[in-house]
N, C-alpha and C. Protein backbone atom coordinates (compact mmCIF):
# COMPACT_ATOMS: atom_id res chain seq x y z
N MET A 1 100.11 124.78 113.62
CA MET A 1 98.91 124.62 112.82
C MET A 1 99.13 123.49 111.82
N HIS A 2 98.29 122.49 111.84
CA HIS A 2 98.41 121.34 110.95
C HIS A 2 97.23 121.38 109.98
N MET A 3 97.56 121.29 108.69
CA MET A 3 96.50 121.28 107.68
C MET A 3 96.66 120.03 106.84
N ASP A 4 95.56 119.39 106.52
CA ASP A 4 95.58 118.24 105.64
C ASP A 4 95.29 118.72 104.22
N PHE A 5 96.16 118.33 103.30
CA PHE A 5 95.97 118.67 101.91
C PHE A 5 95.59 117.41 101.16
N THR A 6 94.57 117.50 100.35
CA THR A 6 94.19 116.35 99.55
C THR A 6 94.62 116.58 98.12
N VAL A 7 95.14 115.54 97.51
CA VAL A 7 95.62 115.66 96.14
C VAL A 7 94.99 114.61 95.23
N GLU A 8 93.83 114.07 95.62
CA GLU A 8 93.18 113.06 94.81
C GLU A 8 92.81 113.55 93.42
N SER A 9 92.61 114.86 93.28
CA SER A 9 92.17 115.40 92.00
C SER A 9 93.31 115.55 90.99
N LEU A 10 94.52 115.21 91.38
CA LEU A 10 95.64 115.37 90.46
C LEU A 10 95.51 114.41 89.28
N GLU A 11 95.81 114.92 88.09
CA GLU A 11 95.66 114.11 86.89
C GLU A 11 96.92 113.30 86.59
N THR A 12 98.07 113.73 87.09
CA THR A 12 99.32 113.03 86.81
C THR A 12 99.91 112.56 88.12
N PRO A 13 100.81 111.56 88.06
CA PRO A 13 101.42 111.07 89.29
C PRO A 13 102.44 112.06 89.88
N ALA A 14 102.85 113.05 89.12
CA ALA A 14 103.80 114.04 89.62
C ALA A 14 103.06 115.27 90.13
N LEU A 15 103.50 115.80 91.24
CA LEU A 15 102.91 117.01 91.80
C LEU A 15 103.67 118.21 91.26
N THR A 16 102.98 119.10 90.55
CA THR A 16 103.63 120.23 89.90
C THR A 16 103.47 121.50 90.72
N LYS A 17 104.28 122.52 90.39
CA LYS A 17 104.15 123.81 91.06
C LYS A 17 102.76 124.41 90.82
N ALA A 18 102.23 124.23 89.63
CA ALA A 18 100.89 124.75 89.33
C ALA A 18 99.85 124.08 90.21
N GLN A 19 100.00 122.79 90.44
CA GLN A 19 99.05 122.07 91.29
C GLN A 19 99.20 122.50 92.75
N LEU A 20 100.42 122.74 93.20
CA LEU A 20 100.62 123.26 94.55
C LEU A 20 99.95 124.62 94.71
N SER A 21 100.08 125.48 93.70
CA SER A 21 99.42 126.79 93.74
C SER A 21 97.90 126.63 93.82
N GLU A 22 97.38 125.69 93.05
CA GLU A 22 95.93 125.44 93.06
C GLU A 22 95.47 124.96 94.43
N LEU A 23 96.29 124.11 95.08
CA LEU A 23 95.94 123.65 96.43
C LEU A 23 95.90 124.80 97.43
N LEU A 24 96.85 125.73 97.32
CA LEU A 24 96.83 126.91 98.21
C LEU A 24 95.57 127.74 97.96
N PHE A 25 95.22 127.88 96.70
CA PHE A 25 94.03 128.64 96.34
C PHE A 25 92.77 127.97 96.90
N GLU A 26 92.64 126.65 96.67
CA GLU A 26 91.42 125.93 97.06
C GLU A 26 91.29 125.71 98.56
N GLN A 27 92.40 125.37 99.21
CA GLN A 27 92.29 124.92 100.59
C GLN A 27 92.68 125.94 101.64
N ILE A 28 93.39 126.98 101.23
CA ILE A 28 93.75 128.02 102.22
C ILE A 28 93.01 129.32 101.93
N GLY A 29 92.66 129.54 100.67
CA GLY A 29 91.88 130.72 100.33
C GLY A 29 92.70 131.88 99.79
N LEU A 30 94.00 131.65 99.54
CA LEU A 30 94.77 132.71 98.89
C LEU A 30 94.24 132.87 97.47
N ASN A 31 94.37 134.09 96.93
CA ASN A 31 93.95 134.23 95.54
C ASN A 31 94.99 133.56 94.64
N LYS A 32 94.64 133.35 93.37
CA LYS A 32 95.51 132.58 92.48
C LYS A 32 96.87 133.23 92.30
N ARG A 33 96.91 134.55 92.23
CA ARG A 33 98.19 135.25 92.04
C ARG A 33 99.06 135.09 93.28
N GLU A 34 98.48 135.26 94.48
CA GLU A 34 99.22 135.08 95.73
C GLU A 34 99.73 133.65 95.85
N SER A 35 98.91 132.69 95.48
CA SER A 35 99.29 131.28 95.55
C SER A 35 100.50 131.00 94.67
N LYS A 36 100.43 131.47 93.42
CA LYS A 36 101.53 131.26 92.48
C LYS A 36 102.79 131.95 92.97
N ASP A 37 102.66 133.19 93.44
CA ASP A 37 103.82 133.93 93.93
C ASP A 37 104.46 133.25 95.14
N MET A 38 103.63 132.70 96.03
CA MET A 38 104.16 132.04 97.22
C MET A 38 104.94 130.78 96.84
N ILE A 39 104.39 129.97 95.95
CA ILE A 39 105.07 128.75 95.51
C ILE A 39 106.36 129.11 94.78
N ASP A 40 106.30 130.09 93.88
CA ASP A 40 107.51 130.51 93.15
C ASP A 40 108.58 131.02 94.11
N ALA A 41 108.20 131.81 95.10
CA ALA A 41 109.16 132.35 96.07
C ALA A 41 109.78 131.23 96.89
N PHE A 42 108.98 130.25 97.28
CA PHE A 42 109.46 129.12 98.05
C PHE A 42 110.55 128.36 97.28
N PHE A 43 110.26 128.00 96.04
CA PHE A 43 111.23 127.25 95.26
C PHE A 43 112.42 128.09 94.83
N ASP A 44 112.21 129.40 94.59
CA ASP A 44 113.33 130.28 94.27
C ASP A 44 114.30 130.37 95.45
N LEU A 45 113.76 130.43 96.66
CA LEU A 45 114.60 130.49 97.86
C LEU A 45 115.41 129.21 98.02
N ILE A 46 114.77 128.06 97.83
CA ILE A 46 115.49 126.79 97.91
C ILE A 46 116.58 126.73 96.84
N SER A 47 116.22 127.07 95.61
CA SER A 47 117.19 127.02 94.50
C SER A 47 118.37 127.95 94.73
N SER A 48 118.10 129.19 95.10
CA SER A 48 119.20 130.15 95.28
C SER A 48 120.10 129.74 96.44
N SER A 49 119.53 129.18 97.49
CA SER A 49 120.35 128.70 98.61
C SER A 49 121.27 127.58 98.16
N LEU A 50 120.75 126.64 97.39
CA LEU A 50 121.57 125.54 96.90
C LEU A 50 122.66 126.02 95.95
N VAL A 51 122.32 126.96 95.07
CA VAL A 51 123.31 127.52 94.14
C VAL A 51 124.44 128.20 94.91
N GLU A 52 124.12 128.83 96.05
CA GLU A 52 125.13 129.49 96.88
C GLU A 52 125.92 128.49 97.73
N GLY A 53 125.57 127.21 97.64
CA GLY A 53 126.30 126.19 98.39
C GLY A 53 125.76 125.92 99.77
N GLN A 54 124.58 126.44 100.08
CA GLN A 54 123.96 126.23 101.39
C GLN A 54 123.01 125.04 101.34
N ASP A 55 123.11 124.18 102.34
CA ASP A 55 122.15 123.09 102.46
C ASP A 55 120.80 123.67 102.88
N VAL A 56 119.73 122.98 102.51
CA VAL A 56 118.37 123.42 102.87
C VAL A 56 117.74 122.31 103.70
N LYS A 57 117.35 122.66 104.93
CA LYS A 57 116.74 121.69 105.83
C LYS A 57 115.29 122.08 106.09
N ILE A 58 114.37 121.18 105.79
CA ILE A 58 112.95 121.42 106.02
C ILE A 58 112.51 120.41 107.08
N THR A 59 112.29 120.91 108.28
CA THR A 59 111.95 120.06 109.41
C THR A 59 110.74 119.19 109.11
N GLY A 60 110.87 117.92 109.42
CA GLY A 60 109.78 116.98 109.21
C GLY A 60 109.65 116.49 107.78
N PHE A 61 110.49 117.01 106.89
CA PHE A 61 110.43 116.61 105.48
C PHE A 61 111.75 116.02 105.02
N GLY A 62 112.81 116.82 105.09
CA GLY A 62 114.12 116.31 104.70
C GLY A 62 115.11 117.40 104.43
N ASN A 63 116.29 117.00 103.97
CA ASN A 63 117.40 117.91 103.71
C ASN A 63 117.84 117.82 102.26
N PHE A 64 118.01 118.97 101.63
CA PHE A 64 118.64 119.06 100.32
C PHE A 64 120.08 119.48 100.61
N GLN A 65 121.04 118.71 100.09
CA GLN A 65 122.43 119.00 100.37
C GLN A 65 123.22 119.11 99.08
N ILE A 66 124.21 119.99 99.08
CA ILE A 66 125.13 120.16 97.96
C ILE A 66 126.35 119.30 98.24
N ARG A 67 126.71 118.47 97.27
CA ARG A 67 127.93 117.67 97.37
C ARG A 67 128.81 117.98 96.18
N THR A 68 130.11 118.02 96.41
CA THR A 68 131.05 118.18 95.31
C THR A 68 131.63 116.82 95.00
N LYS A 69 131.42 116.38 93.79
CA LYS A 69 131.96 115.09 93.37
C LYS A 69 133.32 115.32 92.72
N ALA A 70 134.26 114.50 93.08
CA ALA A 70 135.63 114.62 92.56
C ALA A 70 135.69 114.17 91.11
N PRO A 71 136.68 114.67 90.38
CA PRO A 71 136.85 114.17 89.01
C PRO A 71 137.22 112.68 89.06
N ARG A 72 136.83 111.96 88.02
CA ARG A 72 137.13 110.53 88.00
C ARG A 72 137.18 110.04 86.56
N PRO A 73 137.84 108.93 86.36
CA PRO A 73 137.86 108.39 85.00
C PRO A 73 136.52 107.75 84.68
N GLY A 74 136.07 107.94 83.47
CA GLY A 74 134.83 107.34 83.01
C GLY A 74 135.08 106.58 81.73
N ARG A 75 134.05 105.98 81.21
CA ARG A 75 134.20 105.19 79.98
C ARG A 75 132.92 105.31 79.18
N ASN A 76 133.07 105.52 77.88
CA ASN A 76 131.93 105.52 76.97
C ASN A 76 131.46 104.07 76.86
N PRO A 77 130.24 103.75 77.30
CA PRO A 77 129.80 102.35 77.29
C PRO A 77 129.67 101.76 75.89
N ARG A 78 129.46 102.61 74.91
CA ARG A 78 129.27 102.12 73.54
C ARG A 78 130.61 101.76 72.89
N THR A 79 131.61 102.63 73.11
CA THR A 79 132.90 102.42 72.42
C THR A 79 133.98 101.89 73.34
N GLY A 80 133.79 102.01 74.65
CA GLY A 80 134.82 101.60 75.59
C GLY A 80 135.92 102.64 75.76
N GLU A 81 135.80 103.77 75.06
CA GLU A 81 136.81 104.83 75.12
C GLU A 81 136.81 105.47 76.51
N ALA A 82 138.01 105.70 77.06
CA ALA A 82 138.15 106.36 78.35
C ALA A 82 137.83 107.84 78.19
N ILE A 83 136.98 108.35 79.09
CA ILE A 83 136.58 109.77 79.05
C ILE A 83 136.65 110.30 80.48
N PRO A 84 137.41 111.37 80.71
CA PRO A 84 137.45 111.91 82.07
C PRO A 84 136.13 112.60 82.43
N ILE A 85 135.64 112.36 83.64
CA ILE A 85 134.44 113.03 84.14
C ILE A 85 134.92 114.12 85.08
N GLN A 86 134.56 115.35 84.77
CA GLN A 86 135.03 116.50 85.54
C GLN A 86 134.36 116.58 86.90
N ALA A 87 135.01 117.31 87.81
CA ALA A 87 134.42 117.57 89.13
C ALA A 87 133.12 118.34 88.92
N ARG A 88 132.14 118.08 89.77
CA ARG A 88 130.86 118.78 89.63
C ARG A 88 130.16 118.80 90.97
N ARG A 89 129.22 119.74 91.07
CA ARG A 89 128.38 119.82 92.27
C ARG A 89 127.05 119.17 91.96
N VAL A 90 126.53 118.40 92.92
CA VAL A 90 125.24 117.74 92.76
C VAL A 90 124.39 118.01 93.98
N VAL A 91 123.08 117.92 93.81
CA VAL A 91 122.14 118.07 94.91
C VAL A 91 121.65 116.69 95.30
N THR A 92 121.66 116.40 96.59
CA THR A 92 121.08 115.15 97.09
C THR A 92 119.95 115.50 98.03
N PHE A 93 119.00 114.57 98.15
CA PHE A 93 117.89 114.75 99.09
C PHE A 93 117.88 113.57 100.03
N HIS A 94 117.78 113.85 101.32
CA HIS A 94 117.67 112.82 102.34
C HIS A 94 116.38 113.09 103.11
N ALA A 95 115.47 112.15 103.03
CA ALA A 95 114.18 112.29 103.73
C ALA A 95 114.40 112.24 105.23
N SER A 96 113.60 113.01 105.96
CA SER A 96 113.67 113.00 107.42
C SER A 96 113.11 111.67 107.94
N HIS A 97 113.45 111.34 109.18
CA HIS A 97 112.91 110.12 109.79
C HIS A 97 111.38 110.19 109.85
N LYS A 98 110.86 111.38 110.13
CA LYS A 98 109.41 111.55 110.22
C LYS A 98 108.74 111.23 108.88
N LEU A 99 109.32 111.72 107.78
CA LEU A 99 108.76 111.45 106.45
C LEU A 99 108.89 109.96 106.12
N LYS A 100 110.04 109.37 106.42
CA LYS A 100 110.23 107.94 106.16
C LYS A 100 109.21 107.11 106.93
N GLU A 101 109.00 107.44 108.19
CA GLU A 101 108.03 106.71 108.99
C GLU A 101 106.62 106.85 108.43
N HIS A 102 106.27 108.06 108.00
CA HIS A 102 104.94 108.31 107.45
C HIS A 102 104.74 107.48 106.16
N ILE A 103 105.77 107.44 105.32
CA ILE A 103 105.69 106.67 104.08
C ILE A 103 105.52 105.18 104.40
N GLN A 104 106.28 104.69 105.37
CA GLN A 104 106.18 103.28 105.75
C GLN A 104 104.82 102.95 106.34
N THR A 105 104.29 103.85 107.15
CA THR A 105 102.97 103.63 107.76
C THR A 105 101.90 103.56 106.67
N GLN A 106 101.98 104.47 105.69
CA GLN A 106 101.00 104.47 104.60
C GLN A 106 101.14 103.23 103.73
N ALA A 107 102.38 102.79 103.50
CA ALA A 107 102.61 101.60 102.67
C ALA A 107 102.09 100.35 103.37
N ALA A 108 102.24 100.30 104.69
CA ALA A 108 101.79 99.14 105.46
C ALA A 108 100.26 99.05 105.50
N SER A 109 99.59 100.20 105.46
CA SER A 109 98.13 100.19 105.55
C SER A 109 97.46 100.05 104.19
N ALA A 110 98.26 100.10 103.13
CA ALA A 110 97.69 100.01 101.76
C ALA A 110 97.44 98.58 101.34
């Protein structure tokens, strides 16, 4: 099932969870509480999976991946003082080929 969502009515350039909930309400017909709960559950599932160290793959959209960055020497740019940067986990996003192609097609037609 393919549905087209329109977001022309958005007031800001960023798409928020509240706006996603509103789109579910307006275009699919879920009530406002169901819409909010569905969006919250979706992002909670993605977040908890990443916190547990699991990559999240959304077909046709992209992959959220957890990477562990090694400790490394750093430097305070203002003072030049050497400061060690500790090991940390970061989230990266890699767009799918389908999403990249869609973005390129839209950019070419604009």
